[in-house]
């Protein structure tokens, strides 16, 4: 069975950049601590644009992804992350093969 992955593109308001980094760092740490079926969770900052970030995540399966989307710390942190955005987040889903 294929895993479920997503790539999110996050363009942050310059004045909210550090807040975005703080929130995503906390989220990443909690994902690795509490979600063993989250195989990858990376938060990346563009080398060309300090206000452009990507999140790349892979979950063992759809159930692991659904758990991630409804876990208490996700619900607590994501509203703050969304407040940091200068434009809507772009989100693309992929099947993780192999």
N, C-alpha and C. Protein backbone atom coordinates (compact mmCIF):
# COMPACT_ATOMS: atom_id res chain seq x y z
N UNK A 1 0.84 -1.19 0.00
CA UNK A 1 0.00 0.00 0.00
C UNK A 1 0.88 1.25 0.00
N UNK A 2 0.53 2.23 -0.77
CA UNK A 2 1.29 3.46 -0.87
C UNK A 2 1.04 4.34 0.35
N UNK A 3 2.08 5.03 0.77
CA UNK A 3 1.93 6.02 1.82
C UNK A 3 1.28 7.27 1.26
N UNK A 4 0.97 8.19 2.14
CA UNK A 4 0.36 9.45 1.73
C UNK A 4 1.34 10.56 2.06
N UNK A 5 1.62 11.40 1.06
CA UNK A 5 2.56 12.50 1.23
C UNK A 5 1.92 13.80 0.79
N UNK A 6 2.44 14.88 1.35
CA UNK A 6 2.06 16.20 0.85
C UNK A 6 3.26 17.11 0.82
N UNK A 7 3.17 18.08 -0.06
CA UNK A 7 4.12 19.18 -0.13
C UNK A 7 3.31 20.46 -0.02
N UNK A 8 3.64 21.27 0.98
CA UNK A 8 2.95 22.53 1.19
C UNK A 8 3.91 23.67 0.93
N UNK A 9 3.43 24.67 0.20
CA UNK A 9 4.20 25.88 -0.09
C UNK A 9 3.62 27.00 0.77
N UNK A 10 4.48 27.61 1.60
CA UNK A 10 4.04 28.62 2.55
C UNK A 10 4.81 29.92 2.32
N UNK A 11 4.12 30.96 1.87
CA UNK A 11 4.72 32.28 1.71
C UNK A 11 4.34 33.10 2.94
N UNK A 12 5.33 33.50 3.70
CA UNK A 12 5.11 34.14 4.98
C UNK A 12 5.25 35.65 4.89
N UNK A 13 4.46 36.35 5.69
CA UNK A 13 4.65 37.80 5.84
C UNK A 13 6.02 38.00 6.46
N UNK A 14 6.81 38.93 5.93
CA UNK A 14 8.18 39.12 6.46
C UNK A 14 8.21 39.33 7.97
N UNK A 15 7.27 40.08 8.49
CA UNK A 15 7.26 40.35 9.92
C UNK A 15 6.83 39.14 10.76
N UNK A 16 6.35 38.11 10.09
CA UNK A 16 5.89 36.90 10.78
C UNK A 16 6.83 35.70 10.56
N UNK A 17 7.94 35.94 9.88
CA UNK A 17 8.87 34.86 9.52
C UNK A 17 9.35 34.09 10.76
N UNK A 18 9.81 34.80 11.76
CA UNK A 18 10.34 34.12 12.95
C UNK A 18 9.25 33.35 13.69
N UNK A 19 8.05 33.89 13.71
CA UNK A 19 6.93 33.19 14.35
C UNK A 19 6.62 31.89 13.59
N UNK A 20 6.64 31.95 12.26
CA UNK A 20 6.43 30.76 11.44
C UNK A 20 7.47 29.70 11.78
N UNK A 21 8.71 30.10 11.85
CA UNK A 21 9.79 29.16 12.15
C UNK A 21 9.58 28.53 13.53
N UNK A 22 9.21 29.33 14.52
CA UNK A 22 8.97 28.81 15.86
C UNK A 22 7.82 27.79 15.87
N UNK A 23 6.72 28.14 15.24
CA UNK A 23 5.56 27.26 15.23
C UNK A 23 5.84 25.96 14.49
N UNK A 24 6.49 26.07 13.34
CA UNK A 24 6.79 24.86 12.56
C UNK A 24 7.83 23.99 13.26
N UNK A 25 8.79 24.60 13.93
CA UNK A 25 9.78 23.81 14.68
C UNK A 25 9.09 23.03 15.80
N UNK A 26 8.15 23.68 16.49
CA UNK A 26 7.40 22.98 17.53
C UNK A 26 6.57 21.85 16.94
N UNK A 27 5.89 22.12 15.83
CA UNK A 27 5.07 21.11 15.18
C UNK A 27 5.92 19.92 14.74
N UNK A 28 7.04 20.20 14.11
CA UNK A 28 7.93 19.12 13.64
C UNK A 28 8.38 18.25 14.81
N UNK A 29 8.79 18.87 15.90
CA UNK A 29 9.23 18.11 17.06
C UNK A 29 8.13 17.23 17.63
N UNK A 30 6.92 17.77 17.71
CA UNK A 30 5.79 17.00 18.23
C UNK A 30 5.38 15.87 17.29
N UNK A 31 5.46 16.11 15.99
CA UNK A 31 5.16 15.05 15.03
C UNK A 31 6.11 13.87 15.25
N UNK A 32 7.41 14.14 15.35
CA UNK A 32 8.36 13.04 15.53
C UNK A 32 8.20 12.37 16.88
N UNK A 33 7.78 13.11 17.89
CA UNK A 33 7.62 12.55 19.23
C UNK A 33 6.35 11.70 19.37
N UNK A 34 5.27 12.12 18.71
CA UNK A 34 3.96 11.51 18.96
C UNK A 34 3.33 10.77 17.79
N UNK A 35 3.95 10.83 16.61
CA UNK A 35 3.35 10.21 15.43
C UNK A 35 4.35 9.26 14.77
N UNK A 36 4.45 8.04 15.28
CA UNK A 36 5.43 7.11 14.71
C UNK A 36 5.15 6.74 13.25
N UNK A 37 3.93 6.94 12.79
CA UNK A 37 3.61 6.65 11.40
C UNK A 37 3.80 7.85 10.48
N UNK A 38 4.35 8.93 11.02
CA UNK A 38 4.81 10.04 10.19
C UNK A 38 6.27 9.74 9.85
N UNK A 39 6.50 9.30 8.65
CA UNK A 39 7.82 8.83 8.25
C UNK A 39 8.77 9.98 7.93
N UNK A 40 8.21 11.07 7.41
CA UNK A 40 8.99 12.26 7.05
C UNK A 40 8.17 13.48 7.45
N UNK A 41 8.81 14.45 8.06
CA UNK A 41 8.19 15.76 8.27
C UNK A 41 9.33 16.76 8.25
N UNK A 42 9.47 17.46 7.15
CA UNK A 42 10.56 18.42 6.99
C UNK A 42 9.99 19.80 6.74
N UNK A 43 10.60 20.78 7.36
CA UNK A 43 10.25 22.19 7.19
C UNK A 43 11.47 22.85 6.57
N UNK A 44 11.29 23.37 5.37
CA UNK A 44 12.41 23.88 4.57
C UNK A 44 12.22 25.36 4.26
N UNK A 45 13.32 26.12 4.34
CA UNK A 45 13.29 27.53 3.99
C UNK A 45 14.09 27.73 2.70
N UNK A 46 13.52 28.50 1.78
CA UNK A 46 14.19 28.78 0.51
C UNK A 46 15.50 29.54 0.75
N UNK A 47 16.51 29.17 0.00
CA UNK A 47 17.78 29.92 0.06
C UNK A 47 17.69 31.22 -0.73
N UNK A 48 16.71 31.33 -1.62
CA UNK A 48 16.56 32.53 -2.45
C UNK A 48 15.58 33.54 -1.88
N UNK A 49 14.62 33.08 -1.10
CA UNK A 49 13.58 33.94 -0.55
C UNK A 49 13.33 33.52 0.90
N UNK A 50 13.80 34.31 1.88
CA UNK A 50 13.67 33.90 3.28
C UNK A 50 12.23 33.79 3.79
N UNK A 51 11.28 34.29 3.01
CA UNK A 51 9.87 34.23 3.41
C UNK A 51 9.12 33.08 2.74
N UNK A 52 9.84 32.24 2.01
CA UNK A 52 9.23 31.10 1.33
C UNK A 52 9.67 29.80 2.00
N UNK A 53 8.69 29.01 2.40
CA UNK A 53 8.94 27.75 3.08
C UNK A 53 8.17 26.62 2.39
N UNK A 54 8.66 25.41 2.59
CA UNK A 54 7.95 24.21 2.15
C UNK A 54 7.92 23.22 3.30
N UNK A 55 6.82 22.52 3.42
CA UNK A 55 6.72 21.38 4.33
C UNK A 55 6.55 20.16 3.44
N UNK A 56 7.37 19.16 3.68
CA UNK A 56 7.28 17.88 2.98
C UNK A 56 7.01 16.82 4.05
N UNK A 57 5.92 16.10 3.90
CA UNK A 57 5.55 15.10 4.90
C UNK A 57 5.10 13.82 4.21
N UNK A 58 5.46 12.71 4.82
CA UNK A 58 5.02 11.40 4.34
C UNK A 58 4.52 10.60 5.54
N UNK A 59 3.35 10.02 5.36
CA UNK A 59 2.71 9.20 6.39
C UNK A 59 2.59 7.77 5.88
N UNK A 60 2.64 6.83 6.79
CA UNK A 60 2.61 5.42 6.42
C UNK A 60 1.40 5.08 5.58
N UNK A 61 0.25 5.71 5.89
CA UNK A 61 -0.97 5.43 5.16
C UNK A 61 -1.98 6.55 5.41
N UNK A 62 -3.15 6.41 4.83
CA UNK A 62 -4.21 7.42 4.97
C UNK A 62 -4.61 7.60 6.44
N UNK A 63 -4.67 6.51 7.19
CA UNK A 63 -5.05 6.59 8.61
C UNK A 63 -4.04 7.42 9.40
N UNK A 64 -2.76 7.27 9.10
CA UNK A 64 -1.74 8.07 9.79
C UNK A 64 -1.86 9.54 9.44
N UNK A 65 -2.18 9.83 8.19
CA UNK A 65 -2.40 11.21 7.77
C UNK A 65 -3.61 11.80 8.50
N UNK A 66 -4.69 11.04 8.57
CA UNK A 66 -5.90 11.52 9.25
C UNK A 66 -5.62 11.76 10.74
N UNK A 67 -4.85 10.89 11.34
CA UNK A 67 -4.46 11.10 12.75
C UNK A 67 -3.73 12.42 12.89
N UNK A 68 -2.77 12.68 11.98
CA UNK A 68 -2.01 13.93 12.00
C UNK A 68 -2.93 15.14 11.91
N UNK A 69 -3.89 15.06 11.03
CA UNK A 69 -4.78 16.20 10.80
C UNK A 69 -5.68 16.49 12.00
N UNK A 70 -5.86 15.54 12.90
CA UNK A 70 -6.79 15.72 14.01
C UNK A 70 -6.15 15.62 15.39
N UNK A 71 -4.83 15.54 15.43
CA UNK A 71 -4.15 15.43 16.72
C UNK A 71 -4.19 16.79 17.41
N UNK A 72 -4.24 16.80 18.73
CA UNK A 72 -4.47 18.04 19.47
C UNK A 72 -3.45 19.13 19.18
N UNK A 73 -2.18 18.81 19.08
CA UNK A 73 -1.19 19.86 18.85
C UNK A 73 -1.29 20.43 17.44
N UNK A 74 -1.75 19.65 16.47
CA UNK A 74 -1.98 20.18 15.11
C UNK A 74 -3.07 21.24 15.18
N UNK A 75 -4.15 20.92 15.86
CA UNK A 75 -5.26 21.86 15.98
C UNK A 75 -4.85 23.13 16.73
N UNK A 76 -3.90 23.01 17.65
CA UNK A 76 -3.43 24.17 18.41
C UNK A 76 -2.47 25.05 17.60
N UNK A 77 -1.59 24.45 16.81
CA UNK A 77 -0.52 25.19 16.14
C UNK A 77 -0.91 25.73 14.77
N UNK A 78 -1.72 25.00 14.02
CA UNK A 78 -2.00 25.39 12.64
C UNK A 78 -2.69 26.75 12.49
N UNK A 79 -3.63 27.14 13.35
CA UNK A 79 -4.20 28.48 13.19
C UNK A 79 -3.14 29.59 13.24
N UNK A 80 -2.16 29.46 14.12
CA UNK A 80 -1.08 30.45 14.18
C UNK A 80 -0.22 30.43 12.94
N UNK A 81 0.03 29.25 12.41
CA UNK A 81 0.79 29.12 11.16
C UNK A 81 0.06 29.83 10.03
N UNK A 82 -1.23 29.59 9.94
CA UNK A 82 -2.02 30.22 8.87
C UNK A 82 -2.04 31.74 9.00
N UNK A 83 -2.00 32.25 10.22
CA UNK A 83 -1.97 33.70 10.43
C UNK A 83 -0.67 34.32 9.91
N UNK A 84 0.38 33.54 9.81
CA UNK A 84 1.68 34.04 9.34
C UNK A 84 1.74 34.17 7.82
N UNK A 85 0.79 33.60 7.12
CA UNK A 85 0.86 33.53 5.66
C UNK A 85 0.51 34.85 4.99
N UNK A 86 1.25 35.17 3.94
CA UNK A 86 0.98 36.34 3.12
C UNK A 86 -0.01 36.02 2.02
N UNK A 87 -0.18 34.74 1.71
CA UNK A 87 -1.14 34.28 0.70
C UNK A 87 -1.55 32.87 1.06
N UNK A 88 -2.57 32.37 0.40
CA UNK A 88 -3.05 31.02 0.70
C UNK A 88 -1.94 29.99 0.51
N UNK A 89 -1.92 29.02 1.39
CA UNK A 89 -0.99 27.92 1.27
C UNK A 89 -1.34 27.09 0.04
N UNK A 90 -0.32 26.66 -0.68
CA UNK A 90 -0.50 25.73 -1.78
C UNK A 90 -0.19 24.34 -1.24
N UNK A 91 -1.09 23.41 -1.47
CA UNK A 91 -0.94 22.07 -0.93
C UNK A 91 -1.16 21.05 -2.04
N UNK A 92 -0.21 20.15 -2.20
CA UNK A 92 -0.30 19.10 -3.21
C UNK A 92 -0.09 17.76 -2.54
N UNK A 93 -0.97 16.81 -2.84
CA UNK A 93 -0.89 15.46 -2.28
C UNK A 93 -0.29 14.50 -3.29
N UNK A 94 0.42 13.51 -2.76
CA UNK A 94 1.11 12.53 -3.59
C UNK A 94 1.04 11.16 -2.93
N UNK A 95 1.08 10.12 -3.74
CA UNK A 95 1.24 8.77 -3.21
C UNK A 95 2.72 8.52 -3.05
N UNK A 96 3.10 8.02 -1.91
CA UNK A 96 4.50 7.70 -1.64
C UNK A 96 4.71 6.23 -2.02
N UNK A 97 5.53 6.01 -3.04
CA UNK A 97 5.70 4.67 -3.60
C UNK A 97 7.04 4.07 -3.17
N UNK A 98 7.07 2.76 -3.14
CA UNK A 98 8.33 2.06 -2.93
C UNK A 98 8.61 1.65 -1.53
